[in-house]
Amino acid sequence: MRYMVLLRATQPGTPPPADLMEAIAKLGQEATVAGALLDTAGLAPSASAARVRVAEGGLSVTDGPFTESKELISYALYDVRSKEEAVEWAARFMRLHRDLWEGWEGDAEVVKVLGPEDFAPPA
C-alpha cells in the first residue's frame, strides 16, 4: 500500500540545524534501504502555487499565497504494509524535528494513495 505524507509547518526564523539535516538524511536512507520510501521532496511556498476550483458549475483559478496558518513544505511517498507502518515513519521524522530544532512546530498528514485494489469488485 502506498501512503503520502504531507508535512505542514511553521518554521522558526532560523535555518534547519545541520544535525537535523544529517538525521533526516539517515532516516531517509534507512527507509529507502527498507524498501519503504519511494520519493520525497520539498515544496515551494504557497506564494508560487495556484488553486483550481470547480463550484456552482464554474471553474476558477486562484493564485497563492493562501491563508493557511502553516505552509505545506514537503512530502514523502511510502510503499508499506499498513497505515500503522506509514504513521511510524512519519512519527520518526517528526520526532527528529521536535528533538533537533527548537521552536519548530508542524504536522504530518498520512493519506492512503488509492490503487487498483481499492476499486476491485467485491469477491
N, C-alpha and C. Protein backbone atom coordinates (compact mmCIF):
# COMPACT_ATOMS: atom_id res chain seq x y z
N MET A 1 0.84 -1.17 0.00
CA MET A 1 0.00 0.00 0.00
C MET A 1 0.89 1.24 0.00
N ARG A 2 0.46 2.22 -0.74
CA ARG A 2 1.21 3.47 -0.77
C ARG A 2 0.52 4.51 0.09
N TYR A 3 1.34 5.29 0.78
CA TYR A 3 0.85 6.39 1.61
C TYR A 3 1.67 7.63 1.31
N MET A 4 0.96 8.76 1.20
CA MET A 4 1.59 10.06 1.02
C MET A 4 1.60 10.75 2.38
N VAL A 5 2.76 11.26 2.76
CA VAL A 5 2.87 12.04 3.99
C VAL A 5 3.11 13.48 3.58
N LEU A 6 2.21 14.38 3.99
CA LEU A 6 2.31 15.80 3.68
C LEU A 6 2.71 16.52 4.95
N LEU A 7 3.80 17.27 4.89
CA LEU A 7 4.31 17.98 6.06
C LEU A 7 3.93 19.44 5.97
N ARG A 8 3.24 19.93 7.00
CA ARG A 8 2.90 21.35 7.12
C ARG A 8 3.60 21.85 8.37
N ALA A 9 4.19 23.04 8.27
CA ALA A 9 4.93 23.54 9.42
C ALA A 9 4.99 25.05 9.45
N THR A 10 5.16 25.56 10.64
CA THR A 10 5.56 26.95 10.81
C THR A 10 7.03 26.87 11.21
N GLN A 11 7.86 27.52 10.48
CA GLN A 11 9.29 27.41 10.73
C GLN A 11 9.77 28.59 11.57
N PRO A 12 10.66 28.30 12.54
CA PRO A 12 11.27 29.39 13.28
C PRO A 12 12.08 30.26 12.31
N GLY A 13 12.49 31.41 12.75
CA GLY A 13 13.23 32.32 11.89
C GLY A 13 14.66 31.91 11.63
N THR A 14 14.99 30.67 11.95
CA THR A 14 16.35 30.19 11.74
C THR A 14 16.34 29.05 10.73
N PRO A 15 17.45 28.85 10.02
CA PRO A 15 17.51 27.70 9.10
C PRO A 15 17.56 26.40 9.89
N PRO A 16 17.23 25.28 9.25
CA PRO A 16 17.29 23.99 9.95
C PRO A 16 18.70 23.71 10.43
N PRO A 17 18.85 23.20 11.64
CA PRO A 17 20.18 22.86 12.15
C PRO A 17 20.83 21.74 11.32
N ALA A 18 22.14 21.79 11.21
CA ALA A 18 22.89 20.79 10.43
C ALA A 18 22.66 19.38 10.96
N ASP A 19 22.60 19.22 12.29
CA ASP A 19 22.39 17.87 12.83
C ASP A 19 21.01 17.32 12.49
N LEU A 20 20.02 18.20 12.34
CA LEU A 20 18.69 17.76 11.90
C LEU A 20 18.76 17.27 10.46
N MET A 21 19.42 18.02 9.61
CA MET A 21 19.53 17.62 8.20
C MET A 21 20.26 16.29 8.06
N GLU A 22 21.31 16.08 8.86
CA GLU A 22 22.03 14.80 8.85
C GLU A 22 21.12 13.66 9.31
N ALA A 23 20.35 13.90 10.36
CA ALA A 23 19.44 12.88 10.89
C ALA A 23 18.35 12.54 9.87
N ILE A 24 17.83 13.57 9.18
CA ILE A 24 16.81 13.34 8.15
C ILE A 24 17.40 12.49 7.02
N ALA A 25 18.63 12.79 6.61
CA ALA A 25 19.28 12.02 5.54
C ALA A 25 19.45 10.55 5.96
N LYS A 26 19.84 10.32 7.21
CA LYS A 26 20.00 8.95 7.70
C LYS A 26 18.66 8.21 7.73
N LEU A 27 17.62 8.89 8.21
CA LEU A 27 16.30 8.27 8.25
C LEU A 27 15.81 7.95 6.83
N GLY A 28 16.02 8.88 5.90
CA GLY A 28 15.64 8.65 4.51
C GLY A 28 16.37 7.47 3.91
N GLN A 29 17.66 7.35 4.23
CA GLN A 29 18.45 6.22 3.73
C GLN A 29 17.93 4.92 4.33
N GLU A 30 17.62 4.93 5.61
CA GLU A 30 17.08 3.73 6.26
C GLU A 30 15.75 3.32 5.62
N ALA A 31 14.87 4.28 5.37
CA ALA A 31 13.58 3.98 4.76
C ALA A 31 13.75 3.48 3.32
N THR A 32 14.72 4.03 2.61
CA THR A 32 14.99 3.58 1.23
C THR A 32 15.51 2.15 1.21
N VAL A 33 16.48 1.86 2.08
CA VAL A 33 17.05 0.51 2.16
C VAL A 33 15.97 -0.50 2.57
N ALA A 34 15.05 -0.08 3.43
CA ALA A 34 13.95 -0.96 3.85
C ALA A 34 12.92 -1.17 2.74
N GLY A 35 13.05 -0.41 1.65
CA GLY A 35 12.11 -0.53 0.55
C GLY A 35 10.81 0.24 0.78
N ALA A 36 10.78 1.09 1.81
CA ALA A 36 9.55 1.80 2.15
C ALA A 36 9.45 3.16 1.46
N LEU A 37 10.54 3.89 1.35
CA LEU A 37 10.49 5.25 0.82
C LEU A 37 10.64 5.24 -0.70
N LEU A 38 9.62 5.75 -1.39
CA LEU A 38 9.63 5.81 -2.85
C LEU A 38 10.11 7.15 -3.37
N ASP A 39 9.72 8.25 -2.69
CA ASP A 39 10.06 9.58 -3.19
C ASP A 39 9.87 10.58 -2.07
N THR A 40 10.62 11.67 -2.11
CA THR A 40 10.46 12.76 -1.17
C THR A 40 11.02 14.03 -1.79
N ALA A 41 10.44 15.16 -1.43
CA ALA A 41 10.94 16.44 -1.93
C ALA A 41 10.34 17.57 -1.13
N GLY A 42 11.03 18.69 -1.15
CA GLY A 42 10.49 19.91 -0.57
C GLY A 42 9.55 20.56 -1.56
N LEU A 43 8.64 21.36 -1.05
CA LEU A 43 7.67 22.05 -1.89
C LEU A 43 7.84 23.56 -1.72
N ALA A 44 7.64 24.29 -2.80
CA ALA A 44 7.76 25.75 -2.76
C ALA A 44 6.62 26.33 -1.92
N PRO A 45 6.82 27.50 -1.34
CA PRO A 45 5.75 28.15 -0.57
C PRO A 45 4.51 28.41 -1.42
N SER A 46 3.37 28.56 -0.75
CA SER A 46 2.10 28.72 -1.46
C SER A 46 2.05 30.00 -2.30
N ALA A 47 2.97 30.92 -2.08
CA ALA A 47 3.01 32.14 -2.90
C ALA A 47 3.22 31.80 -4.38
N SER A 48 3.85 30.66 -4.65
CA SER A 48 4.11 30.28 -6.04
C SER A 48 3.08 29.28 -6.57
N ALA A 49 2.05 29.00 -5.78
CA ALA A 49 1.06 27.98 -6.14
C ALA A 49 -0.19 28.59 -6.78
N ALA A 50 -1.04 27.72 -7.28
CA ALA A 50 -2.35 28.11 -7.79
C ALA A 50 -3.35 27.06 -7.33
N ARG A 51 -4.59 27.46 -7.13
CA ARG A 51 -5.66 26.56 -6.75
C ARG A 51 -6.72 26.61 -7.85
N VAL A 52 -7.07 25.46 -8.40
CA VAL A 52 -8.09 25.35 -9.44
C VAL A 52 -9.32 24.74 -8.79
N ARG A 53 -10.46 25.42 -8.90
CA ARG A 53 -11.66 25.01 -8.18
C ARG A 53 -12.86 24.95 -9.13
N VAL A 54 -13.69 23.93 -8.93
CA VAL A 54 -14.97 23.82 -9.62
C VAL A 54 -16.05 24.00 -8.55
N ALA A 55 -16.92 24.97 -8.77
CA ALA A 55 -18.03 25.21 -7.84
C ALA A 55 -19.17 25.87 -8.61
N GLU A 56 -20.38 25.46 -8.30
CA GLU A 56 -21.58 26.04 -8.90
C GLU A 56 -21.50 26.09 -10.42
N GLY A 57 -20.94 25.03 -11.01
CA GLY A 57 -20.86 24.91 -12.46
C GLY A 57 -19.74 25.72 -13.10
N GLY A 58 -18.99 26.47 -12.33
CA GLY A 58 -17.90 27.28 -12.88
C GLY A 58 -16.55 26.75 -12.47
N LEU A 59 -15.54 27.25 -13.12
CA LEU A 59 -14.16 26.88 -12.83
C LEU A 59 -13.40 28.17 -12.54
N SER A 60 -12.64 28.18 -11.45
CA SER A 60 -11.86 29.37 -11.12
C SER A 60 -10.44 28.98 -10.78
N VAL A 61 -9.54 29.90 -10.99
CA VAL A 61 -8.13 29.72 -10.66
C VAL A 61 -7.74 30.86 -9.73
N THR A 62 -7.16 30.51 -8.59
CA THR A 62 -6.71 31.50 -7.62
C THR A 62 -5.22 31.31 -7.40
N ASP A 63 -4.46 32.38 -7.58
CA ASP A 63 -3.03 32.32 -7.31
C ASP A 63 -2.78 32.49 -5.82
N GLY A 64 -1.70 31.82 -5.33
CA GLY A 64 -1.30 31.97 -3.93
C GLY A 64 -0.71 33.34 -3.70
N PRO A 65 -0.36 33.68 -2.51
CA PRO A 65 -0.33 32.78 -1.35
C PRO A 65 -1.72 32.56 -0.78
N PHE A 66 -1.87 31.43 -0.11
CA PHE A 66 -3.12 31.08 0.53
C PHE A 66 -3.04 31.38 2.02
N THR A 67 -4.16 31.45 2.67
CA THR A 67 -4.21 31.96 4.03
C THR A 67 -4.01 30.91 5.12
N GLU A 68 -3.60 29.70 4.77
CA GLU A 68 -3.37 28.70 5.81
C GLU A 68 -2.33 29.22 6.79
N SER A 69 -2.47 28.81 8.04
CA SER A 69 -1.54 29.27 9.06
C SER A 69 -0.20 28.56 8.97
N LYS A 70 -0.18 27.43 8.30
CA LYS A 70 1.07 26.68 8.15
C LYS A 70 1.30 26.43 6.67
N GLU A 71 2.55 26.47 6.26
CA GLU A 71 2.91 26.19 4.88
C GLU A 71 3.06 24.69 4.68
N LEU A 72 2.68 24.21 3.51
CA LEU A 72 2.96 22.84 3.10
C LEU A 72 4.39 22.86 2.61
N ILE A 73 5.30 22.14 3.28
CA ILE A 73 6.71 22.31 2.93
C ILE A 73 7.38 21.09 2.32
N SER A 74 6.83 19.91 2.48
CA SER A 74 7.44 18.75 1.84
C SER A 74 6.46 17.58 1.81
N TYR A 75 6.87 16.55 1.09
CA TYR A 75 6.08 15.33 1.05
C TYR A 75 7.02 14.14 1.02
N ALA A 76 6.50 12.99 1.38
CA ALA A 76 7.20 11.72 1.23
C ALA A 76 6.18 10.69 0.78
N LEU A 77 6.59 9.81 -0.11
CA LEU A 77 5.72 8.75 -0.60
C LEU A 77 6.31 7.41 -0.16
N TYR A 78 5.52 6.66 0.59
CA TYR A 78 5.96 5.38 1.13
C TYR A 78 5.17 4.23 0.52
N ASP A 79 5.82 3.08 0.38
CA ASP A 79 5.16 1.83 0.00
C ASP A 79 5.37 0.88 1.17
N VAL A 80 4.31 0.67 1.95
CA VAL A 80 4.40 -0.08 3.20
C VAL A 80 3.28 -1.10 3.30
N ARG A 81 3.32 -1.92 4.33
CA ARG A 81 2.32 -2.97 4.52
C ARG A 81 1.04 -2.48 5.16
N SER A 82 1.12 -1.34 5.88
CA SER A 82 -0.06 -0.89 6.63
C SER A 82 0.00 0.61 6.90
N LYS A 83 -1.15 1.14 7.27
CA LYS A 83 -1.22 2.54 7.69
C LYS A 83 -0.33 2.76 8.91
N GLU A 84 -0.33 1.81 9.82
CA GLU A 84 0.47 1.94 11.04
C GLU A 84 1.95 2.08 10.72
N GLU A 85 2.43 1.35 9.72
CA GLU A 85 3.84 1.46 9.32
C GLU A 85 4.13 2.84 8.74
N ALA A 86 3.22 3.36 7.93
CA ALA A 86 3.39 4.71 7.38
C ALA A 86 3.40 5.75 8.49
N VAL A 87 2.51 5.59 9.46
CA VAL A 87 2.45 6.52 10.59
C VAL A 87 3.76 6.45 11.39
N GLU A 88 4.31 5.27 11.56
CA GLU A 88 5.57 5.14 12.30
C GLU A 88 6.71 5.88 11.60
N TRP A 89 6.83 5.76 10.28
CA TRP A 89 7.87 6.51 9.55
C TRP A 89 7.65 8.01 9.72
N ALA A 90 6.41 8.45 9.62
CA ALA A 90 6.11 9.89 9.79
C ALA A 90 6.44 10.35 11.21
N ALA A 91 6.10 9.54 12.20
CA ALA A 91 6.39 9.91 13.59
C ALA A 91 7.89 10.00 13.84
N ARG A 92 8.65 9.09 13.27
CA ARG A 92 10.11 9.16 13.42
C ARG A 92 10.66 10.46 12.83
N PHE A 93 10.13 10.85 11.68
CA PHE A 93 10.54 12.10 11.03
C PHE A 93 10.18 13.30 11.91
N MET A 94 8.98 13.29 12.45
CA MET A 94 8.53 14.40 13.28
C MET A 94 9.32 14.47 14.60
N ARG A 95 9.67 13.33 15.17
CA ARG A 95 10.47 13.32 16.40
C ARG A 95 11.82 13.98 16.17
N LEU A 96 12.41 13.77 15.00
CA LEU A 96 13.69 14.42 14.69
C LEU A 96 13.54 15.93 14.76
N HIS A 97 12.47 16.45 14.18
CA HIS A 97 12.23 17.90 14.22
C HIS A 97 12.03 18.39 15.64
N ARG A 98 11.21 17.67 16.39
CA ARG A 98 10.95 18.07 17.78
C ARG A 98 12.24 18.10 18.60
N ASP A 99 13.07 17.08 18.41
CA ASP A 99 14.27 16.94 19.24
C ASP A 99 15.43 17.81 18.79
N LEU A 100 15.48 18.15 17.50
CA LEU A 100 16.69 18.80 16.98
C LEU A 100 16.49 20.23 16.48
N TRP A 101 15.25 20.75 16.50
CA TRP A 101 15.03 22.12 16.02
C TRP A 101 14.12 22.84 17.00
N GLU A 102 14.72 23.53 17.94
CA GLU A 102 13.97 24.23 18.98
C GLU A 102 12.99 25.22 18.36
N GLY A 103 11.76 25.17 18.84
CA GLY A 103 10.74 26.09 18.38
C GLY A 103 9.98 25.66 17.14
N TRP A 104 10.41 24.57 16.49
CA TRP A 104 9.73 24.11 15.28
C TRP A 104 8.40 23.48 15.66
N GLU A 105 7.36 23.78 14.87
CA GLU A 105 6.05 23.18 15.06
C GLU A 105 5.47 22.80 13.71
N GLY A 106 4.76 21.69 13.66
CA GLY A 106 4.14 21.28 12.41
C GLY A 106 3.35 20.00 12.58
N ASP A 107 2.78 19.54 11.49
CA ASP A 107 2.05 18.29 11.50
C ASP A 107 2.30 17.55 10.19
N ALA A 108 2.18 16.24 10.27
CA ALA A 108 2.34 15.39 9.10
C ALA A 108 1.02 14.65 8.90
N GLU A 109 0.45 14.81 7.73
CA GLU A 109 -0.80 14.14 7.39
C GLU A 109 -0.45 12.89 6.58
N VAL A 110 -0.91 11.74 7.04
CA VAL A 110 -0.65 10.45 6.38
C VAL A 110 -1.92 10.05 5.63
N VAL A 111 -1.84 9.98 4.30
CA VAL A 111 -3.01 9.74 3.46
C VAL A 111 -2.75 8.54 2.54
N LYS A 112 -3.68 7.60 2.50
CA LYS A 112 -3.53 6.44 1.61
C LYS A 112 -3.68 6.88 0.16
N VAL A 113 -2.79 6.39 -0.67
CA VAL A 113 -2.88 6.60 -2.12
C VAL A 113 -3.67 5.41 -2.66
N LEU A 114 -4.80 5.69 -3.28
CA LEU A 114 -5.65 4.61 -3.78
C LEU A 114 -4.99 3.89 -4.94
N GLY A 115 -5.15 2.58 -4.95
CA GLY A 115 -4.61 1.76 -6.02
C GLY A 115 -5.70 0.88 -6.60
N PRO A 116 -5.36 0.09 -7.61
CA PRO A 116 -6.37 -0.77 -8.27
C PRO A 116 -7.11 -1.66 -7.28
N GLU A 117 -6.43 -2.11 -6.24
CA GLU A 117 -7.07 -3.00 -5.26
C GLU A 117 -8.23 -2.32 -4.53
N ASP A 118 -8.22 -0.99 -4.48
CA ASP A 118 -9.28 -0.26 -3.81
C ASP A 118 -10.56 -0.17 -4.66
N PHE A 119 -10.46 -0.53 -5.93
CA PHE A 119 -11.60 -0.42 -6.84
C PHE A 119 -12.03 -1.77 -7.39
N ALA A 120 -11.46 -2.84 -6.86
CA ALA A 120 -11.81 -4.18 -7.32
C ALA A 120 -13.24 -4.52 -6.87
N PRO A 121 -13.98 -5.23 -7.71
CA PRO A 121 -15.33 -5.64 -7.30
C PRO A 121 -15.24 -6.61 -6.12
N PRO A 122 -16.22 -6.58 -5.22
CA PRO A 122 -16.20 -7.48 -4.08
C PRO A 122 -16.20 -8.94 -4.54
N ALA A 123 -15.50 -9.75 -3.80
CA ALA A 123 -15.40 -11.18 -4.15
C ALA A 123 -16.62 -11.95 -3.72
